[in-house]
Amino acid sequence: MNKDELVLMLWQFLRSFGWAIVAAISFAFAMGLAIKVFDLLSRDIDEWEEIKKGNWGVAMILTAMILSVGLVLYKVI
């Protein structure tokens, strides 16, 4: 392996790592935004308080929402 191949390989690694960081930040932002919108749309119920009380129904709905947004974001990013 010569010097040019090593530099190219390092550049590709850094570029891939950079895109992974961008994807992680984008995913975190979009997930937080989705949860905030879900909270705003369901004003009559405090999901987090219900989960603390042990309400499995609310926990499953919130889990399903997080998983579905995650699957959509996975395909987009």
Protein backbone atom coordinates (compact mmCIF):
# COMPACT_ATOMS: atom_id res chain seq x y z
CA MET A 1 0.00 0.00 0.00
CA ASN A 2 1.55 3.27 -1.06
CA LYS A 3 1.12 6.70 0.47
CA ASP A 4 -1.60 7.87 -1.96
CA GLU A 5 -3.77 4.83 -1.25
CA LEU A 6 -3.35 5.34 2.48
CA VAL A 7 -4.32 9.02 2.25
CA LEU A 8 -7.35 8.13 0.11
CA MET A 9 -8.42 5.43 2.56
CA LEU A 10 -8.03 7.82 5.50
CA TRP A 11 -10.02 10.51 3.68
CA GLN A 12 -12.84 8.04 2.96
CA PHE A 13 -12.87 6.91 6.58
CA LEU A 14 -13.07 10.49 7.87
CA ARG A 15 -15.79 11.36 5.38
CA SER A 16 -17.83 8.32 6.42
CA PHE A 17 -17.32 9.14 10.08
CA GLY A 18 -18.43 12.73 9.44
CA TRP A 19 -21.62 11.58 7.74
CA ALA A 20 -22.31 9.21 10.63
CA ILE A 21 -22.04 12.14 13.05
CA VAL A 22 -24.36 14.26 10.86
CA ALA A 23 -26.87 11.39 10.69
CA ALA A 24 -26.79 10.88 14.48
CA ILE A 25 -27.37 14.58 15.15
CA SER A 26 -30.15 14.73 12.56
CA PHE A 27 -31.78 11.63 14.00
CA ALA A 28 -31.67 13.01 17.54
CA PHE A 29 -33.11 16.36 16.45
CA ALA A 30 -35.89 14.78 14.39
CA MET A 31 -36.80 12.33 17.16
CA GLY A 32 -36.97 15.14 19.72
CA LEU A 33 -39.11 17.18 17.36
CA ALA A 34 -41.46 14.24 16.74
CA ILE A 35 -41.91 13.65 20.47
CA LYS A 36 -42.55 17.36 21.05
CA VAL A 37 -45.18 17.45 18.28
CA PHE A 38 -46.81 14.32 19.73
CA ASP A 39 -46.93 16.01 23.15
CA LEU A 40 -48.50 19.14 21.64
CA LEU A 41 -51.12 17.13 19.78
CA SER A 42 -52.18 15.25 22.90
CA ARG A 43 -52.64 18.10 25.37
CA ASP A 44 -55.26 16.31 27.45
CA ILE A 45 -52.81 13.73 28.75
CA ASP A 46 -49.33 13.99 30.25
CA GLU A 47 -47.65 10.97 28.72
CA TRP A 48 -44.53 11.09 30.88
CA GLU A 49 -46.54 11.27 34.10
CA GLU A 50 -48.71 8.36 32.97
CA ILE A 51 -45.61 6.31 32.19
CA LYS A 52 -44.21 7.11 35.65
CA LYS A 53 -47.49 5.83 37.11
CA GLY A 54 -47.01 2.55 35.24
CA ASN A 55 -49.59 3.03 32.48
CA TRP A 56 -48.52 0.41 29.93
CA GLY A 57 -50.98 1.60 27.27
CA VAL A 58 -49.45 5.06 27.06
CA ALA A 59 -45.96 3.56 27.17
CA MET A 60 -46.76 1.26 24.25
CA ILE A 61 -48.24 4.10 22.18
CA LEU A 62 -45.18 6.28 22.81
CA THR A 63 -42.87 3.36 22.02
CA ALA A 64 -44.72 2.66 18.77
CA MET A 65 -44.47 6.33 17.81
CA ILE A 66 -40.73 6.40 18.52
CA LEU A 67 -40.12 3.18 16.58
CA SER A 68 -42.17 4.32 13.59
CA VAL A 69 -40.40 7.69 13.43
CA GLY A 70 -37.10 5.86 13.81
CA LEU A 71 -37.89 3.54 10.90
CA VAL A 72 -38.86 6.47 8.67
CA LEU A 73 -35.75 8.41 9.62
CA TYR A 74 -33.60 5.33 9.05
CA LYS A 75 -34.80 5.12 5.47
CA VAL A 76 -34.38 8.87 4.89
CA ILE A 77 -30.96 9.28 6.46
